[in-house]
Amino acid sequence: MFTGYNNHLEVMTRPLPRGLFFNDLRKIMSLFVIAILALIFVFLGSAVIGLLRGGKAGSDRMFKALRMRIILSVLLFVFLLLAGLLGWIEPNGFNLLPTQ
């Protein structure tokens, strides 16, 4: 039976369970995101080195590094979207717009 959109909103806004697993999951998620961001910067540095070297080998290195950087960035974005939908992460409530 369709009960309207309020039921869906209640499910999406209910508080997450607090427990040992949730705290561990938060730490794991933080470390995972930091590790992926570090890898993105490593590949960016590798691309800069390839750019400075020049030539065929440098161009290939730069292309491969930038390709991996883009792949990791897209995968991180998709992962964060899915983690938010599954409730693994939650917004912190930070809002730039003033409320009235």
PDB file of N, CA and C in Angstrom:
ATOM      1  N   MET A   1       0.834  -1.172   0.000  1.00  0.00           N
ATOM      2  CA  MET A   1       0.000   0.000   0.000  1.00  0.00           C
ATOM      3  C   MET A   1       0.885   1.243   0.000  1.00  0.00           C
ATOM      4  N   PHE A   2       0.563   2.182  -0.844  1.00  0.00           N
ATOM      5  CA  PHE A   2       1.334   3.419  -0.944  1.00  0.00           C
ATOM      6  C   PHE A   2       0.877   4.374   0.149  1.00  0.00           C
ATOM      7  N   THR A   3       1.818   4.796   0.986  1.00  0.00           N
ATOM      8  CA  THR A   3       1.469   5.674   2.101  1.00  0.00           C
ATOM      9  C   THR A   3       1.911   7.112   1.877  1.00  0.00           C
ATOM     10  N   GLY A   4       2.463   7.404   0.731  1.00  0.00           N
ATOM     11  CA  GLY A   4       2.886   8.773   0.456  1.00  0.00           C
ATOM     12  C   GLY A   4       4.381   8.941   0.664  1.00  0.00           C
ATOM     13  N   TYR A   5       4.837  10.131   0.442  1.00  0.00           N
ATOM     14  CA  TYR A   5       6.259  10.420   0.516  1.00  0.00           C
ATOM     15  C   TYR A   5       6.761  10.600   1.933  1.00  0.00           C
ATOM     16  N   ASN A   6       5.884  10.859   2.876  1.00  0.00           N
ATOM     17  CA  ASN A   6       6.324  11.086   4.248  1.00  0.00           C
ATOM     18  C   ASN A   6       7.023   9.862   4.815  1.00  0.00           C
ATOM     19  N   ASN A   7       6.540   8.678   4.476  1.00  0.00           N
ATOM     20  CA  ASN A   7       7.176   7.459   4.966  1.00  0.00           C
ATOM     21  C   ASN A   7       8.604   7.352   4.454  1.00  0.00           C
ATOM     22  N   HIS A   8       8.812   7.667   3.188  1.00  0.00           N
ATOM     23  CA  HIS A   8      10.155   7.617   2.612  1.00  0.00           C
ATOM     24  C   HIS A   8      11.072   8.628   3.300  1.00  0.00           C
ATOM     25  N   LEU A   9      10.562   9.827   3.563  1.00  0.00           N
ATOM     26  CA  LEU A   9      11.385  10.845   4.209  1.00  0.00           C
ATOM     27  C   LEU A   9      11.719  10.459   5.641  1.00  0.00           C
ATOM     28  N   GLU A  10      10.795   9.803   6.309  1.00  0.00           N
ATOM     29  CA  GLU A  10      11.077   9.371   7.670  1.00  0.00           C
ATOM     30  C   GLU A  10      12.194   8.341   7.698  1.00  0.00           C
ATOM     31  N   VAL A  11      12.204   7.449   6.713  1.00  0.00           N
ATOM     32  CA  VAL A  11      13.253   6.439   6.648  1.00  0.00           C
ATOM     33  C   VAL A  11      14.598   7.096   6.372  1.00  0.00           C
ATOM     34  N   MET A  12      14.612   8.105   5.499  1.00  0.00           N
ATOM     35  CA  MET A  12      15.867   8.745   5.125  1.00  0.00           C
ATOM     36  C   MET A  12      16.411   9.653   6.224  1.00  0.00           C
ATOM     37  N   THR A  13      15.552  10.149   7.121  1.00  0.00           N
ATOM     38  CA  THR A  13      16.015  11.104   8.121  1.00  0.00           C
ATOM     39  C   THR A  13      16.121  10.518   9.525  1.00  0.00           C
ATOM     40  N   ARG A  14      15.842   9.236   9.685  1.00  0.00           N
ATOM     41  CA  ARG A  14      15.941   8.671  11.028  1.00  0.00           C
ATOM     42  C   ARG A  14      17.409   8.603  11.454  1.00  0.00           C
ATOM     43  N   PRO A  15      17.692   8.729  12.728  1.00  0.00           N
ATOM     44  CA  PRO A  15      19.089   8.726  13.179  1.00  0.00           C
ATOM     45  C   PRO A  15      19.738   7.370  12.975  1.00  0.00           C
ATOM     46  N   LEU A  16      21.022   7.397  12.707  1.00  0.00           N
ATOM     47  CA  LEU A  16      21.778   6.164  12.520  1.00  0.00           C
ATOM     48  C   LEU A  16      22.061   5.503  13.871  1.00  0.00           C
ATOM     49  N   PRO A  17      22.152   4.187  13.881  1.00  0.00           N
ATOM     50  CA  PRO A  17      22.445   3.515  15.148  1.00  0.00           C
ATOM     51  C   PRO A  17      23.854   3.844  15.621  1.00  0.00           C
ATOM     52  N   ARG A  18      23.981   4.068  16.895  1.00  0.00           N
ATOM     53  CA  ARG A  18      25.279   4.372  17.485  1.00  0.00           C
ATOM     54  C   ARG A  18      25.762   3.139  18.221  1.00  0.00           C
ATOM     55  N   GLY A  19      26.908   2.689  17.877  1.00  0.00           N
ATOM     56  CA  GLY A  19      27.454   1.515  18.539  1.00  0.00           C
ATOM     57  C   GLY A  19      28.901   1.332  18.146  1.00  0.00           C
ATOM     58  N   LEU A  20      29.448   0.228  18.565  1.00  0.00           N
ATOM     59  CA  LEU A  20      30.847  -0.054  18.292  1.00  0.00           C
ATOM     60  C   LEU A  20      31.102  -0.167  16.802  1.00  0.00           C
ATOM     61  N   PHE A  21      30.219  -0.863  16.087  1.00  0.00           N
ATOM     62  CA  PHE A  21      30.422  -1.042  14.650  1.00  0.00           C
ATOM     63  C   PHE A  21      30.346   0.289  13.918  1.00  0.00           C
ATOM     64  N   PHE A  22      29.419   1.159  14.327  1.00  0.00           N
ATOM     65  CA  PHE A  22      29.281   2.451  13.655  1.00  0.00           C
ATOM     66  C   PHE A  22      30.539   3.291  13.832  1.00  0.00           C
ATOM     67  N   ASN A  23      31.122   3.299  15.027  1.00  0.00           N
ATOM     68  CA  ASN A  23      32.344   4.062  15.259  1.00  0.00           C
ATOM     69  C   ASN A  23      33.502   3.492  14.450  1.00  0.00           C
ATOM     70  N   ASP A  24      33.594   2.163  14.384  1.00  0.00           N
ATOM     71  CA  ASP A  24      34.635   1.549  13.563  1.00  0.00           C
ATOM     72  C   ASP A  24      34.422   1.863  12.096  1.00  0.00           C
ATOM     73  N   LEU A  25      33.185   1.831  11.646  1.00  0.00           N
ATOM     74  CA  LEU A  25      32.881   2.126  10.251  1.00  0.00           C
ATOM     75  C   LEU A  25      33.241   3.563   9.908  1.00  0.00           C
ATOM     76  N   ARG A  26      32.989   4.487  10.833  1.00  0.00           N
ATOM     77  CA  ARG A  26      33.341   5.886  10.594  1.00  0.00           C
ATOM     78  C   ARG A  26      34.857   6.048  10.448  1.00  0.00           C
ATOM     79  N   LYS A  27      35.629   5.354  11.292  1.00  0.00           N
ATOM     80  CA  LYS A  27      37.090   5.425  11.190  1.00  0.00           C
ATOM     81  C   LYS A  27      37.576   4.810   9.886  1.00  0.00           C
ATOM     82  N   ILE A  28      37.004   3.669   9.515  1.00  0.00           N
ATOM     83  CA  ILE A  28      37.398   3.000   8.281  1.00  0.00           C
ATOM     84  C   ILE A  28      37.076   3.875   7.078  1.00  0.00           C
ATOM     85  N   MET A  29      35.892   4.494   7.080  1.00  0.00           N
ATOM     86  CA  MET A  29      35.507   5.368   5.966  1.00  0.00           C
ATOM     87  C   MET A  29      36.453   6.568   5.863  1.00  0.00           C
ATOM     88  N   SER A  30      36.804   7.145   6.996  1.00  0.00           N
ATOM     89  CA  SER A  30      37.713   8.292   6.986  1.00  0.00           C
ATOM     90  C   SER A  30      39.076   7.900   6.439  1.00  0.00           C
ATOM     91  N   LEU A  31      39.603   6.777   6.905  1.00  0.00           N
ATOM     92  CA  LEU A  31      40.906   6.325   6.419  1.00  0.00           C
ATOM     93  C   LEU A  31      40.868   5.970   4.940  1.00  0.00           C
ATOM     94  N   PHE A  32      39.770   5.369   4.501  1.00  0.00           N
ATOM     95  CA  PHE A  32      39.635   5.007   3.091  1.00  0.00           C
ATOM     96  C   PHE A  32      39.618   6.252   2.208  1.00  0.00           C
ATOM     97  N   VAL A  33      38.840   7.247   2.587  1.00  0.00           N
ATOM     98  CA  VAL A  33      38.758   8.481   1.795  1.00  0.00           C
ATOM     99  C   VAL A  33      40.106   9.206   1.788  1.00  0.00           C
ATOM    100  N   ILE A  34      40.772   9.260   2.925  1.00  0.00           N
ATOM    101  CA  ILE A  34      42.090   9.907   2.992  1.00  0.00           C
ATOM    102  C   ILE A  34      43.104   9.159   2.127  1.00  0.00           C
ATOM    103  N   ALA A  35      43.048   7.828   2.148  1.00  0.00           N
ATOM    104  CA  ALA A  35      43.975   7.032   1.329  1.00  0.00           C
ATOM    105  C   ALA A  35      43.733   7.263  -0.161  1.00  0.00           C
ATOM    106  N   ILE A  36      42.477   7.317  -0.577  1.00  0.00           N
ATOM    107  CA  ILE A  36      42.176   7.555  -1.992  1.00  0.00           C
ATOM    108  C   ILE A  36      42.604   8.963  -2.395  1.00  0.00           C
ATOM    109  N   LEU A  37      42.369   9.946  -1.535  1.00  0.00           N
ATOM    110  CA  LEU A  37      42.821  11.307  -1.847  1.00  0.00           C
ATOM    111  C   LEU A  37      44.345  11.382  -1.948  1.00  0.00           C
ATOM    112  N   ALA A  38      45.045  10.655  -1.075  1.00  0.00           N
ATOM    113  CA  ALA A  38      46.505  10.621  -1.151  1.00  0.00           C
ATOM    114  C   ALA A  38      46.955  10.000  -2.466  1.00  0.00           C
ATOM    115  N   LEU A  39      46.294   8.925  -2.891  1.00  0.00           N
ATOM    116  CA  LEU A  39      46.635   8.308  -4.179  1.00  0.00           C
ATOM    117  C   LEU A  39      46.386   9.261  -5.342  1.00  0.00           C
ATOM    118  N   ILE A  40      45.307  10.028  -5.257  1.00  0.00           N
ATOM    119  CA  ILE A  40      45.021  11.001  -6.312  1.00  0.00           C
ATOM    120  C   ILE A  40      46.151  12.019  -6.407  1.00  0.00           C
ATOM    121  N   PHE A  41      46.647  12.488  -5.264  1.00  0.00           N
ATOM    122  CA  PHE A  41      47.756  13.446  -5.283  1.00  0.00           C
ATOM    123  C   PHE A  41      49.056  12.805  -5.752  1.00  0.00           C
ATOM    124  N   VAL A  42      49.272  11.540  -5.434  1.00  0.00           N
ATOM    125  CA  VAL A  42      50.470  10.841  -5.919  1.00  0.00           C
ATOM    126  C   VAL A  42      50.446  10.750  -7.439  1.00  0.00           C
ATOM    127  N   PHE A  43      49.295  10.399  -8.004  1.00  0.00           N
ATOM    128  CA  PHE A  43      49.202  10.320  -9.463  1.00  0.00           C
ATOM    129  C   PHE A  43      49.306  11.698 -10.096  1.00  0.00           C
ATOM    130  N   LEU A  44      48.821  12.718  -9.427  1.00  0.00           N
ATOM    131  CA  LEU A  44      48.975  14.070  -9.945  1.00  0.00           C
ATOM    132  C   LEU A  44      50.453  14.466  -9.971  1.00  0.00           C
ATOM    133  N   GLY A  45      51.187  14.122  -8.913  1.00  0.00           N
ATOM    134  CA  GLY A  45      52.631  14.387  -8.897  1.00  0.00           C
ATOM    135  C   GLY A  45      53.365  13.608  -9.971  1.00  0.00           C
ATOM    136  N   SER A  46      52.950  12.372 -10.199  1.00  0.00           N
ATOM    137  CA  SER A  46      53.558  11.578 -11.260  1.00  0.00           C
ATOM    138  C   SER A  46      53.311  12.208 -12.628  1.00  0.00           C
ATOM    139  N   ALA A  47      52.128  12.767 -12.812  1.00  0.00           N
ATOM    140  CA  ALA A  47      51.828  13.440 -14.081  1.00  0.00           C
ATOM    141  C   ALA A  47      52.695  14.683 -14.261  1.00  0.00           C
ATOM    142  N   VAL A  48      52.935  15.407 -13.183  1.00  0.00           N
ATOM    143  CA  VAL A  48      53.794  16.600 -13.274  1.00  0.00           C
ATOM    144  C   VAL A  48      55.220  16.189 -13.633  1.00  0.00           C
ATOM    145  N   ILE A  49      55.697  15.111 -13.046  1.00  0.00           N
ATOM    146  CA  ILE A  49      57.041  14.624 -13.383  1.00  0.00           C
ATOM    147  C   ILE A  49      57.110  14.220 -14.850  1.00  0.00           C
ATOM    148  N   GLY A  50      56.065  13.551 -15.333  1.00  0.00           N
ATOM    149  CA  GLY A  50      56.031  13.188 -16.744  1.00  0.00           C
ATOM    150  C   GLY A  50      55.993  14.401 -17.645  1.00  0.00           C
ATOM    151  N   LEU A  51      55.290  15.445 -17.222  1.00  0.00           N
ATOM    152  CA  LEU A  51      55.229  16.680 -17.997  1.00  0.00           C
ATOM    153  C   LEU A  51      56.595  17.349 -18.057  1.00  0.00           C
ATOM    154  N   LEU A  52      57.299  17.359 -16.922  1.00  0.00           N
ATOM    155  CA  LEU A  52      58.616  18.006 -16.884  1.00  0.00           C
ATOM    156  C   LEU A  52      59.663  17.229 -17.668  1.00  0.00           C
ATOM    157  N   ARG A  53      59.522  15.900 -17.702  1.00  0.00           N
ATOM    158  CA  ARG A  53      60.480  15.098 -18.461  1.00  0.00           C
ATOM    159  C   ARG A  53      60.348  15.316 -19.951  1.00  0.00           C
ATOM    160  N   GLY A  54      59.110  15.364 -20.414  1.00  0.00           N
ATOM    161  CA  GLY A  54      58.873  15.558 -21.832  1.00  0.00           C
ATOM    162  C   GLY A  54      59.210  14.323 -22.636  1.00  0.00           C
ATOM    163  N   GLY A  55      59.113  14.433 -23.921  1.00  0.00           N
ATOM    164  CA  GLY A  55      59.409  13.311 -24.790  1.00  0.00           C
ATOM    165  C   GLY A  55      58.294  12.268 -24.774  1.00  0.00           C
ATOM    166  N   LYS A  56      58.544  11.171 -25.479  1.00  0.00           N
ATOM    167  CA  LYS A  56      57.540  10.104 -25.585  1.00  0.00           C
ATOM    168  C   LYS A  56      57.299   9.419 -24.245  1.00  0.00           C
ATOM    169  N   ALA A  57      58.362   9.092 -23.512  1.00  0.00           N
ATOM    170  CA  ALA A  57      58.213   8.394 -22.228  1.00  0.00           C
ATOM    171  C   ALA A  57      57.499   9.275 -21.207  1.00  0.00           C
ATOM    172  N   GLY A  58      57.848  10.543 -21.181  1.00  0.00           N
ATOM    173  CA  GLY A  58      57.203  11.463 -20.246  1.00  0.00           C
ATOM    174  C   GLY A  58      55.739  11.673 -20.578  1.00  0.00           C
ATOM    175  N   SER A  59      55.436  11.734 -21.873  1.00  0.00           N
ATOM    176  CA  SER A  59      54.056  11.912 -22.292  1.00  0.00           C
ATOM    177  C   SER A  59      53.205  10.700 -21.930  1.00  0.00           C
ATOM    178  N   ASP A  60      53.760   9.507 -22.122  1.00  0.00           N
ATOM    179  CA  ASP A  60      53.035   8.285 -21.751  1.00  0.00           C
ATOM    180  C   ASP A  60      52.804   8.223 -20.244  1.00  0.00           C
ATOM    181  N   ARG A  61      53.837   8.579 -19.499  1.00  0.00           N
ATOM    182  CA  ARG A  61      53.712   8.555 -18.039  1.00  0.00           C
ATOM    183  C   ARG A  61      52.652   9.558 -17.581  1.00  0.00           C
ATOM    184  N   MET A  62      52.663  10.737 -18.170  1.00  0.00           N
ATOM    185  CA  MET A  62      51.694  11.758 -17.801  1.00  0.00           C
ATOM    186  C   MET A  62      50.278  11.294 -18.142  1.00  0.00           C
ATOM    187  N   PHE A  63      50.091  10.710 -19.315  1.00  0.00           N
ATOM    188  CA  PHE A  63      48.770  10.246 -19.724  1.00  0.00           C
ATOM    189  C   PHE A  63      48.245   9.166 -18.785  1.00  0.00           C
ATOM    190  N   LYS A  64      49.077   8.189 -18.456  1.00  0.00           N
ATOM    191  CA  LYS A  64      48.651   7.106 -17.566  1.00  0.00           C
ATOM    192  C   LYS A  64      48.332   7.624 -16.164  1.00  0.00           C
ATOM    193  N   ALA A  65      49.138   8.554 -15.676  1.00  0.00           N
ATOM    194  CA  ALA A  65      48.905   9.095 -14.337  1.00  0.00           C
ATOM    195  C   ALA A  65      47.617   9.912 -14.284  1.00  0.00           C
ATOM    196  N   LEU A  66      47.376  10.732 -15.294  1.00  0.00           N
ATOM    197  CA  LEU A  66      46.152  11.533 -15.303  1.00  0.00           C
ATOM    198  C   LEU A  66      44.921  10.656 -15.494  1.00  0.00           C
ATOM    199  N   ARG A  67      45.060   9.585 -16.287  1.00  0.00           N
ATOM    200  CA  ARG A  67      43.947   8.652 -16.461  1.00  0.00           C
ATOM    201  C   ARG A  67      43.598   7.987 -15.129  1.00  0.00           C
ATOM    202  N   MET A  68      44.604   7.542 -14.386  1.00  0.00           N
ATOM    203  CA  MET A  68      44.348   6.919 -13.084  1.00  0.00           C
ATOM    204  C   MET A  68      43.773   7.917 -12.087  1.00  0.00           C
ATOM    205  N   ARG A  69      44.224   9.150 -12.164  1.00  0.00           N
ATOM    206  CA  ARG A  69      43.710  10.186 -11.272  1.00  0.00           C
ATOM    207  C   ARG A  69      42.233  10.441 -11.534  1.00  0.00           C
ATOM    208  N   ILE A  70      41.847  10.488 -12.793  1.00  0.00           N
ATOM    209  CA  ILE A  70      40.440  10.703 -13.135  1.00  0.00           C
ATOM    210  C   ILE A  70      39.600   9.507 -12.712  1.00  0.00           C
ATOM    211  N   ILE A  71      40.098   8.299 -12.942  1.00  0.00           N
ATOM    212  CA  ILE A  71      39.367   7.091 -12.544  1.00  0.00           C
ATOM    213  C   ILE A  71      39.169   7.067 -11.035  1.00  0.00           C
ATOM    214  N   LEU A  72      40.224   7.352 -10.270  1.00  0.00           N
ATOM    215  CA  LEU A  72      40.101   7.358  -8.814  1.00  0.00           C
ATOM    216  C   LEU A  72      39.145   8.444  -8.326  1.00  0.00           C
ATOM    217  N   SER A  73      39.180   9.601  -8.952  1.00  0.00           N
ATOM    218  CA  SER A  73      38.285  10.694  -8.552  1.00  0.00           C
ATOM    219  C   SER A  73      36.826  10.320  -8.791  1.00  0.00           C
ATOM    220  N   VAL A  74      36.539   9.743  -9.933  1.00  0.00           N
ATOM    221  CA  VAL A  74      35.157   9.347 -10.241  1.00  0.00           C
ATOM    222  C   VAL A  74      34.705   8.231  -9.307  1.00  0.00           C
ATOM    223  N   LEU A  75      35.572   7.248  -9.065  1.00  0.00           N
ATOM    224  CA  LEU A  75      35.211   6.156  -8.161  1.00  0.00           C
ATOM    225  C   LEU A  75      34.989   6.656  -6.732  1.00  0.00           C
ATOM    226  N   LEU A  76      35.803   7.600  -6.289  1.00  0.00           N
ATOM    227  CA  LEU A  76      35.616   8.174  -4.956  1.00  0.00           C
ATOM    228  C   LEU A  76      34.287   8.915  -4.868  1.00  0.00           C
ATOM    229  N   PHE A  77      33.949   9.665  -5.905  1.00  0.00           N
ATOM    230  CA  PHE A  77      32.684  10.395  -5.932  1.00  0.00           C
ATOM    231  C   PHE A  77      31.498   9.433  -5.877  1.00  0.00           C
ATOM    232  N   VAL A  78      31.536   8.387  -6.699  1.00  0.00           N
ATOM    233  CA  VAL A  78      30.457   7.392  -6.705  1.00  0.00           C
ATOM    234  C   VAL A  78      30.387   6.678  -5.362  1.00  0.00           C
ATOM    235  N   PHE A  79      31.539   6.335  -4.799  1.00  0.00           N
ATOM    236  CA  PHE A  79      31.572   5.663  -3.499  1.00  0.00           C
ATOM    237  C   PHE A  79      30.954   6.536  -2.411  1.00  0.00           C
ATOM    238  N   LEU A  80      31.266   7.823  -2.410  1.00  0.00           N
ATOM    239  CA  LEU A  80      30.700   8.725  -1.405  1.00  0.00           C
ATOM    240  C   LEU A  80      29.195   8.887  -1.584  1.00  0.00           C
ATOM    241  N   LEU A  81      28.729   8.923  -2.835  1.00  0.00           N
ATOM    242  CA  LEU A  81      27.294   8.984  -3.064  1.00  0.00           C
ATOM    243  C   LEU A  81      26.602   7.735  -2.531  1.00  0.00           C
ATOM    244  N   LEU A  82      27.144   6.553  -2.851  1.00  0.00           N
ATOM    245  CA  LEU A  82      26.554   5.308  -2.368  1.00  0.00           C
ATOM    246  C   LEU A  82      26.627   5.198  -0.850  1.00  0.00           C
ATOM    247  N   ALA A  83      27.736   5.618  -0.273  1.00  0.00           N
ATOM    248  CA  ALA A  83      27.869   5.559   1.183  1.00  0.00           C
ATOM    249  C   ALA A  83      26.852   6.466   1.852  1.00  0.00           C
ATOM    250  N   GLY A  84      26.564   7.607   1.263  1.00  0.00           N
ATOM    251  CA  GLY A  84      25.540   8.487   1.807  1.00  0.00           C
ATOM    252  C   GLY A  84      24.153   7.896   1.686  1.00  0.00           C
ATOM    253  N   LEU A  85      23.874   7.248   0.554  1.00  0.00           N
ATOM    254  CA  LEU A  85      22.568   6.629   0.369  1.00  0.00           C
ATOM    255  C   LEU A  85      22.366   5.423   1.284  1.00  0.00           C
ATOM    256  N   LEU A  86      23.421   4.667   1.528  1.00  0.00           N
ATOM    257  CA  LEU A  86      23.323   3.481   2.378  1.00  0.00           C
ATOM    258  C   LEU A  86      23.398   3.813   3.863  1.00  0.00           C
ATOM    259  N   GLY A  87      23.713   5.061   4.188  1.00  0.00           N
ATOM    260  CA  GLY A  87      23.757   5.470   5.588  1.00  0.00           C
ATOM    261  C   GLY A  87      25.100   5.229   6.263  1.00  0.00           C
ATOM    262  N   TRP A  88      26.127   4.933   5.489  1.00  0.00           N
ATOM    263  CA  TRP A  88      27.452   4.706   6.075  1.00  0.00           C
ATOM    264  C   TRP A  88      28.073   6.011   6.527  1.00  0.00           C
ATOM    265  N   ILE A  89      27.735   7.101   5.860  1.00  0.00           N
ATOM    266  CA  ILE A  89      28.193   8.427   6.259  1.00  0.00           C
ATOM    267  C   ILE A  89      26.959   9.299   6.406  1.00  0.00           C
ATOM    268  N   GLU A  90      27.084  10.357   7.165  1.00  0.00           N
ATOM    269  CA  GLU A  90      25.962  11.262   7.354  1.00  0.00           C
ATOM    270  C   GLU A  90      26.448  12.696   7.222  1.00  0.00           C
ATOM    271  N   PRO A  91      25.565  13.586   6.766  1.00  0.00           N
ATOM    272  CA  PRO A  91      25.967  14.987   6.655  1.00  0.00           C
ATOM    273  C   PRO A  91      26.222  15.580   8.028  1.00  0.00           C
ATOM    274  N   ASN A  92      27.095  16.568   8.059  1.00  0.00           N
ATOM    275  CA  ASN A  92      27.444  17.182   9.337  1.00  0.00           C
ATOM    276  C   ASN A  92      26.560  18.367   9.685  1.00  0.00           C
ATOM    277  N   GLY A  93      25.632  18.730   8.816  1.00  0.00           N
ATOM    278  CA  GLY A  93      24.719  19.822   9.111  1.00  0.00           C
ATOM    279  C   GLY A  93      25.276  21.197   8.801  1.00  0.00           C
ATOM    280  N   PHE A  94      26.437  21.283   8.185  1.00  0.00           N
ATOM    281  CA  PHE A  94      27.035  22.566   7.830  1.00  0.00           C
ATOM    282  C   PHE A  94      26.267  23.170   6.672  1.00  0.00           C
ATOM    283  N   ASN A  95      25.832  24.412   6.820  1.00  0.00           N
ATOM    284  CA  ASN A  95      25.036  25.073   5.804  1.00  0.00           C
ATOM    285  C   ASN A  95      25.590  26.490   5.616  1.00  0.00           C
ATOM    286  N   LEU A  96      25.925  26.815   4.368  1.00  0.00           N
ATOM    287  CA  LEU A  96      26.462  28.145   4.085  1.00  0.00           C
ATOM    288  C   LEU A  96      25.372  29.196   4.000  1.00  0.00           C
ATOM    289  N   LEU A  97      24.157  28.786   3.684  1.00  0.00           N
ATOM    290  CA  LEU A  97      23.078  29.756   3.538  1.00  0.00           C
ATOM    291  C   LEU A  97      22.455  30.055   4.901  1.00  0.00           C
ATOM    292  N   PRO A  98      22.197  31.318   5.174  1.00  0.00           N
ATOM    293  CA  PRO A  98      21.568  31.639   6.457  1.00  0.00           C
ATOM    294  C   PRO A  98      20.107  31.183   6.468  1.00  0.00           C
ATOM    295  N   THR A  99      19.679  30.708   7.614  1.00  0.00           N
ATOM    296  CA  THR A  99      18.279  30.300   7.751  1.00  0.00           C
ATOM    297  C   THR A  99      17.507  31.394   8.468  1.00  0.00           C
ATOM    298  N   GLN A 100      16.236  31.486   8.171  1.00  0.00           N
ATOM    299  CA  GLN A 100      15.432  32.549   8.785  1.00  0.00           C
ATOM    300  C   GLN A 100      14.398  31.969   9.703  1.00  0.00           C
TER     301      GLN A 100
END
